Amino acid sequence: MNENDLQTAILDLLNRRRPGASICPSEVARGTGREDWRDLMPAVRGAAAALAQDERLVVTQNGEVLSPLGDWRGPVRLQLQSPSSE
């Protein structure tokens, strides 16, 4: 799968959840149906980072928002970017 496919998969999964819900990147990788889904994890994280840079989602760890440019280690969660309140 290419990055665009993974970005679409991330957004589709998040849009099927209740507002404010988050997902684990592994849910996206497993959702591809591939037996080697673990091999997709770096690509899923890369796709999530690109979406975070575009401010379409946020990446969190232990409730803290991570930088989309950071070197994420350990479990993270993906969540749609909340609309800014004005």
N, C-alpha and C. Protein backbone atom coordinates (compact mmCIF):
# COMPACT_ATOMS: atom_id res chain seq x y z
N MET A 1 0.85 -1.19 0.00
CA MET A 1 0.00 0.00 0.00
C MET A 1 0.89 1.24 0.00
N ASN A 2 0.43 2.25 -0.72
CA ASN A 2 1.20 3.49 -0.72
C ASN A 2 0.68 4.43 0.36
N GLU A 3 1.37 5.55 0.53
CA GLU A 3 1.01 6.48 1.61
C GLU A 3 -0.40 7.03 1.45
N ASN A 4 -0.80 7.33 0.22
CA ASN A 4 -2.16 7.85 0.01
C ASN A 4 -3.21 6.83 0.43
N ASP A 5 -3.00 5.55 0.09
CA ASP A 5 -3.93 4.49 0.50
C ASP A 5 -4.02 4.41 2.02
N LEU A 6 -2.87 4.51 2.68
CA LEU A 6 -2.86 4.42 4.14
C LEU A 6 -3.51 5.64 4.77
N GLN A 7 -3.28 6.82 4.21
CA GLN A 7 -3.94 8.02 4.72
C GLN A 7 -5.45 7.88 4.60
N THR A 8 -5.91 7.39 3.46
CA THR A 8 -7.34 7.18 3.26
C THR A 8 -7.88 6.18 4.27
N ALA A 9 -7.14 5.10 4.50
CA ALA A 9 -7.57 4.08 5.46
C ALA A 9 -7.67 4.66 6.88
N ILE A 10 -6.70 5.49 7.25
CA ILE A 10 -6.71 6.13 8.57
C ILE A 10 -7.95 7.01 8.71
N LEU A 11 -8.18 7.87 7.74
CA LEU A 11 -9.30 8.81 7.81
C LEU A 11 -10.64 8.08 7.76
N ASP A 12 -10.72 7.04 6.92
CA ASP A 12 -11.97 6.26 6.85
C ASP A 12 -12.30 5.63 8.20
N LEU A 13 -11.28 5.03 8.82
CA LEU A 13 -11.50 4.38 10.11
C LEU A 13 -11.91 5.39 11.17
N LEU A 14 -11.24 6.53 11.20
CA LEU A 14 -11.58 7.57 12.18
C LEU A 14 -12.98 8.13 11.94
N ASN A 15 -13.35 8.29 10.69
CA ASN A 15 -14.68 8.84 10.37
C ASN A 15 -15.80 7.87 10.71
N ARG A 16 -15.50 6.59 10.86
CA ARG A 16 -16.51 5.62 11.25
C ARG A 16 -16.68 5.56 12.77
N ARG A 17 -15.80 6.21 13.50
CA ARG A 17 -15.87 6.23 14.96
C ARG A 17 -16.67 7.44 15.42
N ARG A 18 -17.03 7.41 16.68
CA ARG A 18 -17.74 8.55 17.24
C ARG A 18 -16.80 9.76 17.27
N PRO A 19 -17.36 10.96 17.23
CA PRO A 19 -16.52 12.16 17.28
C PRO A 19 -15.64 12.14 18.53
N GLY A 20 -14.38 12.48 18.35
CA GLY A 20 -13.44 12.53 19.46
C GLY A 20 -12.75 11.22 19.75
N ALA A 21 -13.18 10.13 19.10
CA ALA A 21 -12.56 8.83 19.33
C ALA A 21 -11.18 8.78 18.68
N SER A 22 -10.36 7.89 19.19
CA SER A 22 -9.03 7.70 18.62
C SER A 22 -8.86 6.24 18.22
N ILE A 23 -7.83 6.01 17.41
CA ILE A 23 -7.51 4.66 16.98
C ILE A 23 -6.03 4.40 17.19
N CYS A 24 -5.69 3.14 17.22
CA CYS A 24 -4.29 2.72 17.27
C CYS A 24 -3.84 2.52 15.82
N PRO A 25 -2.62 2.91 15.48
CA PRO A 25 -2.13 2.67 14.12
C PRO A 25 -2.21 1.20 13.71
N SER A 26 -2.11 0.29 14.66
CA SER A 26 -2.18 -1.13 14.32
C SER A 26 -3.55 -1.52 13.79
N GLU A 27 -4.60 -0.79 14.19
CA GLU A 27 -5.94 -1.06 13.65
C GLU A 27 -5.97 -0.83 12.15
N VAL A 28 -5.25 0.19 11.70
CA VAL A 28 -5.18 0.49 10.28
C VAL A 28 -4.41 -0.62 9.56
N ALA A 29 -3.27 -0.99 10.11
CA ALA A 29 -2.44 -2.02 9.48
C ALA A 29 -3.19 -3.35 9.43
N ARG A 30 -3.85 -3.72 10.53
CA ARG A 30 -4.62 -4.97 10.54
C ARG A 30 -5.78 -4.92 9.56
N GLY A 31 -6.37 -3.75 9.40
CA GLY A 31 -7.52 -3.59 8.53
C GLY A 31 -7.21 -3.82 7.06
N THR A 32 -5.94 -3.88 6.71
CA THR A 32 -5.58 -4.15 5.32
C THR A 32 -5.82 -5.61 4.95
N GLY A 33 -5.96 -6.46 5.98
CA GLY A 33 -6.16 -7.88 5.73
C GLY A 33 -4.89 -8.65 5.40
N ARG A 34 -3.78 -7.96 5.46
CA ARG A 34 -2.50 -8.62 5.15
C ARG A 34 -2.00 -9.39 6.36
N GLU A 35 -1.45 -10.57 6.11
CA GLU A 35 -0.87 -11.34 7.21
C GLU A 35 0.37 -10.64 7.76
N ASP A 36 1.06 -9.92 6.91
CA ASP A 36 2.29 -9.23 7.33
C ASP A 36 2.00 -7.79 7.75
N TRP A 37 0.85 -7.57 8.42
CA TRP A 37 0.43 -6.21 8.79
C TRP A 37 1.47 -5.50 9.64
N ARG A 38 2.24 -6.24 10.43
CA ARG A 38 3.26 -5.58 11.28
C ARG A 38 4.30 -4.86 10.43
N ASP A 39 4.56 -5.41 9.24
CA ASP A 39 5.53 -4.76 8.35
C ASP A 39 5.02 -3.41 7.85
N LEU A 40 3.72 -3.18 7.92
CA LEU A 40 3.13 -1.91 7.47
C LEU A 40 3.20 -0.82 8.54
N MET A 41 3.52 -1.19 9.76
CA MET A 41 3.45 -0.20 10.85
C MET A 41 4.29 1.06 10.59
N PRO A 42 5.54 0.96 10.13
CA PRO A 42 6.27 2.21 9.85
C PRO A 42 5.58 3.07 8.79
N ALA A 43 5.01 2.44 7.78
CA ALA A 43 4.32 3.19 6.73
C ALA A 43 3.04 3.84 7.27
N VAL A 44 2.32 3.13 8.15
CA VAL A 44 1.11 3.70 8.76
C VAL A 44 1.49 4.92 9.61
N ARG A 45 2.54 4.78 10.38
CA ARG A 45 2.98 5.92 11.19
C ARG A 45 3.42 7.08 10.31
N GLY A 46 4.07 6.78 9.19
CA GLY A 46 4.47 7.82 8.26
C GLY A 46 3.27 8.53 7.66
N ALA A 47 2.26 7.76 7.29
CA ALA A 47 1.03 8.35 6.75
C ALA A 47 0.35 9.21 7.81
N ALA A 48 0.35 8.75 9.05
CA ALA A 48 -0.24 9.53 10.14
C ALA A 48 0.54 10.82 10.36
N ALA A 49 1.86 10.75 10.28
CA ALA A 49 2.68 11.95 10.45
C ALA A 49 2.36 12.97 9.36
N ALA A 50 2.18 12.50 8.13
CA ALA A 50 1.85 13.42 7.03
C ALA A 50 0.49 14.07 7.27
N LEU A 51 -0.48 13.29 7.73
CA LEU A 51 -1.80 13.86 8.04
C LEU A 51 -1.71 14.85 9.20
N ALA A 52 -0.87 14.56 10.17
CA ALA A 52 -0.69 15.47 11.31
C ALA A 52 -0.02 16.77 10.85
N GLN A 53 0.94 16.65 9.94
CA GLN A 53 1.58 17.86 9.41
C GLN A 53 0.58 18.71 8.65
N ASP A 54 -0.38 18.06 7.99
CA ASP A 54 -1.43 18.79 7.27
C ASP A 54 -2.55 19.23 8.20
N GLU A 55 -2.39 18.97 9.50
CA GLU A 55 -3.35 19.34 10.54
C GLU A 55 -4.71 18.69 10.33
N ARG A 56 -4.71 17.46 9.82
CA ARG A 56 -5.95 16.71 9.63
C ARG A 56 -6.18 15.75 10.79
N LEU A 57 -5.12 15.41 11.52
CA LEU A 57 -5.27 14.59 12.72
C LEU A 57 -4.19 14.95 13.71
N VAL A 58 -4.36 14.47 14.92
CA VAL A 58 -3.34 14.64 15.96
C VAL A 58 -2.90 13.26 16.41
N VAL A 59 -1.66 13.21 16.82
CA VAL A 59 -1.07 11.99 17.35
C VAL A 59 -0.82 12.23 18.83
N THR A 60 -1.31 11.32 19.66
CA THR A 60 -1.16 11.48 21.10
C THR A 60 -0.49 10.26 21.72
N GLN A 61 0.09 10.51 22.87
CA GLN A 61 0.66 9.45 23.69
C GLN A 61 0.43 9.83 25.14
N ASN A 62 -0.24 8.97 25.86
CA ASN A 62 -0.60 9.25 27.25
C ASN A 62 -1.33 10.58 27.38
N GLY A 63 -2.18 10.89 26.40
CA GLY A 63 -2.98 12.11 26.45
C GLY A 63 -2.27 13.36 26.00
N GLU A 64 -0.99 13.28 25.69
CA GLU A 64 -0.22 14.44 25.24
C GLU A 64 -0.09 14.42 23.73
N VAL A 65 -0.29 15.59 23.10
CA VAL A 65 -0.14 15.70 21.65
C VAL A 65 1.35 15.68 21.30
N LEU A 66 1.68 14.83 20.33
CA LEU A 66 3.07 14.70 19.88
C LEU A 66 3.30 15.54 18.63
N SER A 67 4.52 15.94 18.42
CA SER A 67 4.89 16.65 17.21
C SER A 67 4.82 15.70 16.02
N PRO A 68 4.23 16.15 14.90
CA PRO A 68 4.20 15.28 13.72
C PRO A 68 5.59 15.01 13.17
N LEU A 69 6.56 15.81 13.56
CA LEU A 69 7.93 15.64 13.09
C LEU A 69 8.79 14.83 14.05
N GLY A 70 8.21 14.45 15.18
CA GLY A 70 8.98 13.76 16.21
C GLY A 70 9.23 12.29 15.88
N ASP A 71 10.12 11.72 16.65
CA ASP A 71 10.43 10.29 16.53
C ASP A 71 9.60 9.58 17.59
N TRP A 72 8.42 9.12 17.21
CA TRP A 72 7.50 8.50 18.16
C TRP A 72 8.01 7.15 18.57
N ARG A 73 7.97 6.90 19.85
CA ARG A 73 8.35 5.59 20.38
C ARG A 73 7.21 5.11 21.28
N GLY A 74 6.93 3.84 21.20
CA GLY A 74 5.87 3.28 22.03
C GLY A 74 4.50 3.50 21.42
N PRO A 75 3.48 3.14 22.19
CA PRO A 75 2.11 3.21 21.67
C PRO A 75 1.63 4.66 21.51
N VAL A 76 1.00 4.92 20.38
CA VAL A 76 0.41 6.23 20.11
C VAL A 76 -1.02 6.02 19.67
N ARG A 77 -1.78 7.08 19.71
CA ARG A 77 -3.18 7.08 19.26
C ARG A 77 -3.34 8.16 18.20
N LEU A 78 -4.26 7.91 17.27
CA LEU A 78 -4.55 8.86 16.21
C LEU A 78 -5.97 9.36 16.39
N GLN A 79 -6.15 10.65 16.21
CA GLN A 79 -7.47 11.26 16.42
C GLN A 79 -7.64 12.38 15.41
N LEU A 80 -8.86 12.52 14.88
CA LEU A 80 -9.12 13.61 13.95
C LEU A 80 -8.86 14.94 14.64
N GLN A 81 -8.33 15.87 13.87
CA GLN A 81 -8.09 17.22 14.37
C GLN A 81 -9.43 17.86 14.70
N SER A 82 -9.56 18.42 15.87
CA SER A 82 -10.80 19.11 16.25
C SER A 82 -10.87 20.43 15.50
N PRO A 83 -12.07 20.78 15.05
CA PRO A 83 -12.21 22.10 14.41
C PRO A 83 -11.85 23.19 15.41
N SER A 84 -11.17 24.20 14.94
CA SER A 84 -10.79 25.28 15.85
C SER A 84 -12.04 26.08 16.22
N SER A 85 -12.08 26.47 17.46
CA SER A 85 -13.25 27.26 17.91
C SER A 85 -12.92 28.73 17.75
N GLU A 86 -13.82 29.42 17.11
CA GLU A 86 -13.61 30.86 16.92
C GLU A 86 -14.80 31.62 17.41
